[in-house]
Amino acid sequence: MPARTLPETLEAAQTASRALATLTSVQKDTALAAVADALEAESSSIIAANARDLEAGEAAGLAAGLLDRLRLDEPRVAALARAVRDVVALPDPVGVVVRGSTLPNGVGLSQVRVPFGVVGAIYEARPNVTVDIAALALKSGNASVLRGGSAALHSNERLVAVIRTALESAGLPADAVQTIDAFGREGAAELMRARGLVDVLIPRGSADLIQTVVRESTVPVIETGAGVVHILLDASADEAMAVDIVRNAKVQRPSVCNAVETVLVHRDAAERLLPPLLAALRHEGVLVRGDDRARAVDAGLEPATDDDFATEHMALELSIGIVDDLDAALAHIRRFSTKHTESIITGDMAAAERFLAEVDSAVVMVNASTRFSDGGEFGFGAEVGISTQKLHARGPMGLPELTSTKWIVRGAGQVRG
């Protein structure tokens, strides 16, 4: 049994958050550098703990995509350490003045960035998220309370232990980073009800997990989204570019949320683009499904249903549909998109600008792989998640998205008349 109750754990996080809010950038960066060094030094023990989770996941029949997200090896642990050092190199958002003015009576106003306080996170089979959120929360002056799920129990336990030891070595409170995995599902439910102890809650994982948190939480939630991601091949799309981008977006890492799930092809380009595209995808082992019009071009396609177009496969599976024009493509995206990331491949800049303006997703692209929809690729060092909501934060979330603001008012005895 845990040494503390969950309320005691959350109260300890609140206490730690007050200490973090007063730290200088140098103090936070020194602690994060210690975390990065510790991750590298403890790589073997982290990988050993992860091996226990992988073995259990394989025995339980965990899907290949989730096993890939769960897996840690030497390069991935090294990448976690690099991501922490990338966060060190980023500017500290705390104390940044967003706007300010001086009133006619001489009262000075400034709106400044401040930490949330305690950031909770609920996620599945993603030990990298443990490090990403802990590092970003620390740099932005927040304590973090992490619920990483049973699939990554041993990995997360070891990672958090390494981080906490490193923080203590740098003079920071270990309770700035805590895991509540030991409390099980009831702990996750209690975390969602901990309004007043937890300032914001961020879910990452399946659509079911995210919607459960959104529906049941009394703590304010920043909603991240599943990735039913689209690429539109417009009539003017360059063949080589289209093939390269779709192949990269599907194959480079199919288990992640920014991997493409649906390719829409303009009818005027279908005969030209489908044969080389399908040949490239099949060469990579992708199972491709198509609507009736796509199957008329290539009878070897499996039939695609509405359920296929609505599914985030997180695997080497892809659905293809042929559309009459940009209007039809936009209608399809409005119907099936999870508002995560969409891209158009085109040589027509008018079509590109219309796509950018009318697609209502967190990240919209022209002539680029959807795999770039990522906090690390955007230069954020790491990411908390990709927000698909419209309040406060949208798209990949980095340091500024883990802050709120407060107004500072400086007077010299003024009173309101």
Protein backbone atom coordinates (compact mmCIF):
# COMPACT_ATOMS: atom_id res chain seq x y z
CA MET A 1 0.00 0.00 0.00
CA PRO A 2 1.21 3.60 -0.65
CA ALA A 3 2.77 5.34 2.36
CA ARG A 4 0.38 8.29 1.86
CA THR A 5 -3.27 8.60 1.07
CA LEU A 6 -4.10 10.25 -2.24
CA PRO A 7 -5.29 13.49 -0.58
CA GLU A 8 -2.00 13.59 1.35
CA THR A 9 -0.12 13.08 -1.92
CA LEU A 10 -1.99 15.95 -3.55
CA GLU A 11 -1.47 18.20 -0.55
CA ALA A 12 2.27 17.45 -0.76
CA ALA A 13 2.14 18.45 -4.43
CA GLN A 14 0.46 21.73 -3.47
CA THR A 15 3.20 22.43 -0.93
CA ALA A 16 5.89 21.64 -3.52
CA SER A 17 4.19 23.87 -6.09
CA ARG A 18 4.48 26.87 -3.77
CA ALA A 19 8.22 26.29 -3.50
CA LEU A 20 8.57 25.86 -7.28
CA ALA A 21 6.76 29.13 -7.95
CA THR A 22 9.55 31.07 -6.23
CA LEU A 23 12.51 29.42 -8.00
CA THR A 24 14.76 31.26 -10.39
CA SER A 25 15.30 30.04 -13.94
CA VAL A 26 18.84 29.00 -12.99
CA GLN A 27 17.57 26.84 -10.13
CA LYS A 28 15.02 25.12 -12.35
CA ASP A 29 17.52 24.58 -15.16
CA THR A 30 20.10 23.14 -12.77
CA ALA A 31 17.53 20.65 -11.49
CA LEU A 32 16.48 19.68 -15.02
CA ALA A 33 20.09 19.15 -16.03
CA ALA A 34 20.42 16.82 -13.04
CA VAL A 35 17.32 14.94 -14.23
CA ALA A 36 18.80 14.50 -17.72
CA ASP A 37 22.08 13.22 -16.27
CA ALA A 38 20.23 10.82 -13.99
CA LEU A 39 18.14 9.39 -16.85
CA GLU A 40 21.33 8.56 -18.74
CA ALA A 41 23.04 7.13 -15.67
CA GLU A 42 20.04 4.95 -14.84
CA SER A 43 19.33 3.85 -18.41
CA SER A 44 19.92 0.16 -17.65
CA SER A 45 17.56 0.10 -14.65
CA ILE A 46 14.90 2.02 -16.59
CA ILE A 47 15.11 -0.43 -19.52
CA ALA A 48 14.95 -3.38 -17.11
CA ALA A 49 11.79 -2.00 -15.51
CA ASN A 50 10.32 -1.38 -18.96
CA ALA A 51 11.09 -4.98 -19.96
CA ARG A 52 8.77 -6.16 -17.17
CA ASP A 53 5.97 -4.01 -18.58
CA LEU A 54 6.61 -5.20 -22.14
CA GLU A 55 6.51 -8.82 -21.04
CA ALA A 56 3.24 -8.28 -19.21
CA GLY A 57 1.81 -6.34 -22.15
CA GLU A 58 2.65 -9.05 -24.65
CA ALA A 59 1.13 -11.69 -22.35
CA ALA A 60 -2.02 -9.59 -22.06
CA GLY A 61 -2.29 -9.19 -25.83
CA LEU A 62 -1.58 -5.47 -25.88
CA ALA A 63 -1.88 -4.11 -29.43
CA ALA A 64 1.32 -3.66 -31.43
CA GLY A 65 0.88 0.11 -31.54
CA LEU A 66 0.58 0.36 -27.76
CA LEU A 67 3.57 -1.95 -27.29
CA ASP A 68 5.60 0.36 -29.52
CA ARG A 69 4.58 3.39 -27.46
CA LEU A 70 5.41 1.50 -24.29
CA ARG A 71 8.87 0.34 -25.38
CA LEU A 72 12.03 1.96 -24.01
CA ASP A 73 15.50 1.08 -25.26
CA GLU A 74 18.86 2.85 -25.05
CA PRO A 75 18.17 5.26 -27.94
CA ARG A 76 14.74 6.16 -26.55
CA VAL A 77 16.05 6.75 -23.03
CA ALA A 78 18.82 8.88 -24.52
CA ALA A 79 16.15 10.78 -26.45
CA LEU A 80 14.27 11.42 -23.19
CA ALA A 81 17.41 12.91 -21.67
CA ARG A 82 17.95 15.08 -24.77
CA ALA A 83 14.36 16.29 -24.56
CA VAL A 84 14.93 17.39 -20.96
CA ARG A 85 18.06 19.29 -22.01
CA ASP A 86 16.07 20.88 -24.81
CA VAL A 87 13.63 22.15 -22.18
CA VAL A 88 16.56 23.60 -20.23
CA ALA A 89 17.53 25.62 -23.31
CA LEU A 90 14.06 27.14 -23.68
CA PRO A 91 13.15 30.55 -22.21
CA ASP A 92 11.37 30.44 -18.88
CA PRO A 93 7.78 31.65 -19.35
CA VAL A 94 7.20 32.50 -15.68
CA GLY A 95 7.19 36.24 -15.04
CA VAL A 96 6.96 37.17 -18.72
CA VAL A 97 4.82 40.30 -19.13
CA VAL A 98 2.01 39.62 -21.59
CA ARG A 99 0.79 43.22 -21.64
CA GLY A 100 0.75 46.27 -19.42
CA SER A 101 -0.07 49.93 -19.14
CA THR A 102 -0.13 52.88 -16.79
CA LEU A 103 -3.54 54.36 -15.96
CA PRO A 104 -4.08 58.13 -16.12
CA ASN A 105 -3.96 58.23 -12.29
CA GLY A 106 -0.49 56.66 -12.28
CA VAL A 107 -1.49 53.11 -11.28
CA GLY A 108 0.72 50.62 -13.12
CA LEU A 109 -0.79 47.43 -14.57
CA SER A 110 0.98 44.36 -15.88
CA GLN A 111 -0.32 40.95 -16.82
CA VAL A 112 2.36 38.31 -16.14
CA ARG A 113 2.65 34.58 -16.71
CA VAL A 114 2.44 32.43 -13.57
CA PRO A 115 2.38 28.66 -12.99
CA PHE A 116 -0.92 26.81 -12.69
CA GLY A 117 0.26 25.16 -9.47
CA VAL A 118 -0.44 21.42 -9.63
CA VAL A 119 -0.80 19.78 -13.04
CA GLY A 120 -2.36 16.33 -13.16
CA ALA A 121 -1.96 13.98 -16.11
CA ILE A 122 -3.73 10.72 -16.98
CA TYR A 123 -2.27 8.71 -19.83
CA GLU A 124 -1.75 5.17 -21.12
CA ALA A 125 1.32 3.04 -21.91
CA ARG A 126 3.52 6.08 -22.66
CA PRO A 127 6.52 6.30 -20.33
CA ASN A 128 7.96 9.13 -22.45
CA VAL A 129 5.01 11.26 -21.32
CA THR A 130 6.16 10.82 -17.71
CA VAL A 131 9.43 12.58 -18.50
CA ASP A 132 7.98 15.14 -20.91
CA ILE A 133 5.29 16.39 -18.54
CA ALA A 134 7.55 16.31 -15.48
CA ALA A 135 10.21 18.38 -17.29
CA LEU A 136 7.81 20.92 -18.78
CA ALA A 137 5.94 21.25 -15.49
CA LEU A 138 9.17 21.88 -13.58
CA LYS A 139 10.42 24.50 -16.03
CA SER A 140 7.08 26.32 -15.85
CA GLY A 141 7.05 26.18 -12.04
CA ASN A 142 4.37 23.51 -11.63
CA ALA A 143 4.24 20.35 -9.56
CA SER A 144 3.02 17.30 -11.48
CA VAL A 145 0.90 14.36 -10.37
CA LEU A 146 1.06 11.53 -12.89
CA ARG A 147 -1.27 8.59 -13.50
CA GLY A 148 0.43 6.54 -16.21
CA GLY A 149 -1.70 3.39 -16.13
CA SER A 150 -1.06 -0.24 -15.31
CA ALA A 151 0.57 -1.08 -18.67
CA ALA A 152 3.60 1.09 -17.83
CA LEU A 153 3.53 0.61 -14.06
CA HIS A 154 7.15 -0.47 -13.55
CA SER A 155 8.54 1.94 -16.17
CA ASN A 156 6.81 4.95 -14.67
CA GLU A 157 7.67 3.95 -11.12
CA ARG A 158 11.36 3.78 -12.02
CA LEU A 159 11.33 7.00 -14.06
CA VAL A 160 9.63 8.95 -11.28
CA ALA A 161 12.04 7.55 -8.70
CA VAL A 162 15.01 8.66 -10.83
CA ILE A 163 13.51 12.13 -11.33
CA ARG A 164 12.69 12.59 -7.63
CA THR A 165 16.21 11.62 -6.56
CA ALA A 166 17.69 14.05 -9.09
CA LEU A 167 15.46 16.86 -7.84
CA GLU A 168 16.51 16.29 -4.25
CA SER A 169 20.16 16.34 -5.29
CA ALA A 170 19.56 19.78 -6.79
CA GLY A 171 17.82 21.10 -3.67
CA LEU A 172 14.25 20.92 -5.00
CA PRO A 173 11.37 19.13 -3.26
CA ALA A 174 10.99 15.55 -4.49
CA ASP A 175 7.21 15.97 -4.23
CA ALA A 176 7.35 18.27 -7.25
CA VAL A 177 6.92 15.05 -9.29
CA GLN A 178 4.73 12.20 -8.06
CA THR A 179 3.05 9.14 -9.48
CA ILE A 180 -0.29 7.85 -8.23
CA ASP A 181 -0.26 4.60 -10.20
CA ALA A 182 -0.23 2.63 -6.94
CA PHE A 183 -3.75 3.89 -6.22
CA GLY A 184 -5.13 2.14 -9.32
CA ARG A 185 -8.28 3.15 -11.17
CA GLU A 186 -9.87 4.53 -8.03
CA GLY A 187 -6.88 6.83 -7.74
CA ALA A 188 -7.49 8.11 -11.26
CA ALA A 189 -11.16 8.70 -10.43
CA GLU A 190 -10.20 10.54 -7.24
CA LEU A 191 -7.69 12.66 -9.16
CA MET A 192 -10.51 13.74 -11.49
CA ARG A 193 -12.54 14.84 -8.47
CA ALA A 194 -9.67 16.69 -6.73
CA ARG A 195 -10.84 20.20 -7.55
CA GLY A 196 -9.03 22.60 -5.24
CA LEU A 197 -5.99 20.35 -4.93
CA VAL A 198 -5.27 19.93 -8.64
CA ASP A 199 -5.39 23.05 -10.81
CA VAL A 200 -5.59 21.49 -14.28
CA LEU A 201 -5.86 17.94 -15.62
CA ILE A 202 -4.50 16.74 -18.97
CA PRO A 203 -5.54 13.37 -20.45
CA ARG A 204 -3.48 11.67 -23.16
CA GLY A 205 -4.41 8.39 -24.78
CA SER A 206 -7.33 6.73 -26.46
CA ALA A 207 -10.52 8.56 -27.37
CA ASP A 208 -12.32 6.59 -24.65
CA LEU A 209 -9.85 7.68 -21.97
CA ILE A 210 -9.94 11.31 -23.03
CA GLN A 211 -13.72 11.47 -23.14
CA THR A 212 -14.00 9.74 -19.77
CA VAL A 213 -11.79 12.42 -18.21
CA VAL A 214 -13.64 15.25 -19.97
CA ARG A 215 -17.00 13.84 -18.89
CA GLU A 216 -16.23 12.90 -15.29
CA SER A 217 -13.63 15.42 -14.12
CA THR A 218 -14.53 18.30 -11.82
CA VAL A 219 -10.96 19.58 -12.26
CA PRO A 220 -10.56 21.87 -15.30
CA VAL A 221 -9.39 19.77 -18.27
CA ILE A 222 -7.25 20.64 -21.27
CA GLU A 223 -8.60 18.20 -23.81
CA THR A 224 -6.17 16.41 -26.05
CA GLY A 225 -7.52 14.44 -28.96
CA ALA A 226 -7.27 11.18 -30.80
CA GLY A 227 -5.72 11.56 -34.22
CA VAL A 228 -7.97 10.71 -37.14
CA VAL A 229 -5.58 12.60 -39.38
CA HIS A 230 -6.17 13.41 -43.06
CA ILE A 231 -4.02 14.18 -46.08
CA LEU A 232 -5.70 15.54 -49.22
CA LEU A 233 -3.97 14.94 -52.55
CA ASP A 234 -5.26 17.80 -54.67
CA ALA A 235 -5.57 17.65 -58.45
CA SER A 236 -2.28 19.51 -58.86
CA ALA A 237 -0.32 17.44 -56.32
CA ASP A 238 3.20 16.49 -57.40
CA GLU A 239 3.45 12.70 -57.64
CA ALA A 240 6.83 12.26 -55.93
CA MET A 241 5.91 14.69 -53.16
CA ALA A 242 2.55 13.02 -52.57
CA VAL A 243 4.06 9.55 -52.32
CA ASP A 244 6.91 10.64 -50.05
CA ILE A 245 4.69 12.60 -47.68
CA VAL A 246 1.97 9.96 -47.35
CA ARG A 247 4.51 7.18 -46.87
CA ASN A 248 6.31 9.18 -44.18
CA ALA A 249 3.07 10.19 -42.46
CA LYS A 250 1.89 6.57 -42.25
CA VAL A 251 5.03 4.46 -41.98
CA GLN A 252 7.68 6.47 -40.11
CA ARG A 253 5.92 5.74 -36.79
CA PRO A 254 2.36 4.45 -37.27
CA SER A 255 1.52 4.17 -33.55
CA VAL A 256 1.48 7.92 -32.83
CA CYS A 257 -1.39 10.39 -32.94
CA ASN A 258 -0.01 12.47 -35.83
CA ALA A 259 0.27 9.51 -38.21
CA VAL A 260 -2.11 9.80 -41.16
CA GLU A 261 -5.20 7.57 -41.12
CA THR A 262 -7.09 8.77 -44.20
CA VAL A 263 -5.90 9.93 -47.62
CA LEU A 264 -8.38 11.78 -49.83
CA VAL A 265 -7.57 11.98 -53.53
CA HIS A 266 -9.06 14.49 -55.98
CA ARG A 267 -10.85 12.59 -58.76
CA ASP A 268 -8.81 14.34 -61.45
CA ALA A 269 -5.59 12.97 -59.92
CA ALA A 270 -6.76 9.50 -58.92
CA GLU A 271 -5.59 7.61 -62.03
CA ARG A 272 -2.21 9.38 -61.86
CA LEU A 273 -1.50 9.24 -58.12
CA LEU A 274 -3.11 6.06 -56.82
CA PRO A 275 -0.92 3.45 -58.59
CA PRO A 276 2.46 4.78 -57.37
CA LEU A 277 1.04 5.61 -53.93
CA LEU A 278 -0.46 2.15 -53.44
CA ALA A 279 2.70 0.47 -54.67
CA ALA A 280 4.77 2.41 -52.11
CA LEU A 281 2.37 1.70 -49.25
CA ARG A 282 2.09 -2.00 -50.03
CA HIS A 283 5.87 -2.23 -50.22
CA GLU A 284 5.92 -0.96 -46.61
CA GLY A 285 3.34 -3.54 -45.50
CA VAL A 286 0.43 -1.12 -45.13
CA LEU A 287 -3.08 -2.58 -45.27
CA VAL A 288 -4.96 -0.16 -47.52
CA ARG A 289 -8.74 0.11 -47.68
CA GLY A 290 -10.62 2.17 -50.25
CA ASP A 291 -14.09 3.47 -50.94
CA ASP A 292 -15.96 2.26 -54.03
CA ARG A 293 -14.37 4.87 -56.29
CA ALA A 294 -10.87 4.01 -55.14
CA ARG A 295 -11.57 0.31 -55.62
CA ALA A 296 -12.68 1.05 -59.17
CA VAL A 297 -9.13 2.28 -59.79
CA ASP A 298 -7.49 -0.61 -57.90
CA ALA A 299 -9.61 -3.71 -57.34
CA GLY A 300 -7.05 -5.06 -54.86
CA LEU A 301 -8.08 -2.58 -52.19
CA GLU A 302 -10.02 -3.83 -49.20
CA PRO A 303 -13.39 -2.07 -48.88
CA ALA A 304 -13.43 0.96 -46.56
CA THR A 305 -16.49 1.64 -44.40
CA ASP A 306 -17.52 4.72 -42.44
CA ASP A 307 -16.13 3.01 -39.34
CA ASP A 308 -12.74 2.75 -41.05
CA PHE A 309 -12.77 6.45 -41.90
CA ALA A 310 -13.62 7.23 -38.26
CA THR A 311 -10.91 5.03 -36.72
CA GLU A 312 -7.50 5.94 -35.36
CA HIS A 313 -5.73 2.69 -36.20
CA MET A 314 -2.28 3.44 -34.73
CA ALA A 315 -1.02 0.67 -37.02
CA LEU A 316 0.00 0.06 -40.64
CA GLU A 317 -3.56 0.56 -41.85
CA LEU A 318 -4.90 3.35 -44.05
CA SER A 319 -8.18 4.34 -45.69
CA ILE A 320 -8.41 6.06 -49.08
CA GLY A 321 -11.33 7.96 -50.54
CA ILE A 322 -11.78 9.77 -53.85
CA VAL A 323 -13.49 13.17 -53.73
CA ASP A 324 -14.91 15.31 -56.51
CA ASP A 325 -13.37 18.59 -55.39
CA LEU A 326 -12.09 20.62 -52.46
CA ASP A 327 -15.64 21.15 -51.16
CA ALA A 328 -16.16 17.39 -50.92
CA ALA A 329 -12.82 16.93 -49.19
CA LEU A 330 -13.64 19.62 -46.64
CA ALA A 331 -17.03 17.99 -46.00
CA HIS A 332 -15.38 14.61 -45.42
CA ILE A 333 -12.86 16.13 -43.00
CA ARG A 334 -15.61 17.97 -41.10
CA ARG A 335 -17.47 14.67 -40.72
CA PHE A 336 -14.64 12.37 -39.67
CA SER A 337 -11.80 14.53 -38.30
CA THR A 338 -10.94 14.63 -34.61
CA LYS A 339 -9.61 18.19 -35.20
CA HIS A 340 -6.01 17.13 -34.65
CA THR A 341 -3.93 17.57 -37.85
CA GLU A 342 -4.72 17.74 -41.58
CA SER A 343 -2.52 18.40 -44.61
CA ILE A 344 -3.06 19.22 -48.29
CA ILE A 345 -0.58 18.33 -51.03
CA THR A 346 -1.07 20.78 -53.86
CA GLY A 347 0.56 23.09 -56.36
CA ASP A 348 -2.48 25.39 -56.31
CA MET A 349 -1.89 28.12 -53.75
CA ALA A 350 -5.51 29.27 -53.86
CA ALA A 351 -6.59 25.76 -52.86
CA ALA A 352 -3.89 25.72 -50.18
CA GLU A 353 -5.02 29.00 -48.65
CA ARG A 354 -8.65 27.92 -48.67
CA PHE A 355 -7.71 24.62 -46.99
CA LEU A 356 -5.76 26.50 -44.31
CA ALA A 357 -8.65 28.87 -43.69
CA GLU A 358 -11.54 26.40 -43.66
CA VAL A 359 -10.16 23.28 -41.97
CA ASP A 360 -11.00 23.57 -38.27
CA SER A 361 -8.18 21.52 -36.75
CA ALA A 362 -5.44 22.34 -34.25
CA VAL A 363 -2.71 22.00 -36.90
CA VAL A 364 -3.27 22.53 -40.64
CA MET A 365 -0.49 22.02 -43.17
CA VAL A 366 0.43 22.51 -46.81
CA ASN A 367 2.87 20.18 -48.58
CA ALA A 368 4.25 18.69 -45.36
CA SER A 369 4.00 15.42 -43.45
CA THR A 370 1.58 15.34 -40.55
CA ARG A 371 4.39 13.80 -38.48
CA PHE A 372 5.66 17.36 -37.93
CA SER A 373 2.66 18.03 -35.67
CA ASP A 374 4.70 17.58 -32.52
CA GLY A 375 6.01 19.76 -29.70
CA GLY A 376 9.57 18.58 -30.19
CA GLU A 377 9.46 19.29 -33.93
CA PHE A 378 7.92 22.71 -33.23
CA GLY A 379 10.88 23.58 -31.02
CA PHE A 380 9.11 23.18 -27.67
CA GLY A 381 11.70 20.69 -26.35
CA ALA A 382 8.92 18.27 -25.48
CA GLU A 383 5.14 18.45 -25.36
CA VAL A 384 2.44 17.98 -22.78
CA GLY A 385 0.10 16.82 -25.51
CA ILE A 386 -1.69 18.12 -28.57
CA SER A 387 -4.75 20.06 -27.53
CA THR A 388 -7.76 19.79 -29.82
CA GLN A 389 -9.92 22.17 -27.80
CA LYS A 390 -10.22 25.90 -28.41
CA LEU A 391 -9.84 27.39 -24.92
CA HIS A 392 -6.47 28.48 -23.51
CA ALA A 393 -4.28 26.14 -25.58
CA ARG A 394 -4.58 24.52 -28.99
CA GLY A 395 -2.15 22.29 -30.87
CA PRO A 396 1.15 21.04 -29.41
CA MET A 397 1.47 22.34 -25.85
CA GLY A 398 4.80 23.49 -24.47
CA LEU A 399 5.90 25.75 -21.63
CA PRO A 400 3.62 28.80 -22.13
CA GLU A 401 0.57 26.50 -22.25
CA LEU A 402 1.39 25.33 -18.70
CA THR A 403 1.01 28.84 -17.35
CA SER A 404 -1.87 31.10 -16.51
CA THR A 405 -1.65 34.83 -15.92
CA LYS A 406 -2.30 37.24 -13.10
CA TRP A 407 -2.54 41.00 -13.01
CA ILE A 408 0.01 42.96 -10.99
CA VAL A 409 -1.18 46.40 -9.88
CA ARG A 410 1.33 48.92 -8.46
CA GLY A 411 0.07 52.12 -6.94
CA ALA A 412 1.24 54.99 -4.76
CA GLY A 413 -1.82 55.56 -2.59
CA GLN A 414 -4.42 56.09 -5.33
CA VAL A 415 -8.09 55.55 -4.48
CA ARG A 416 -11.02 55.20 -6.84
CA GLY A 417 -13.27 58.20 -7.08
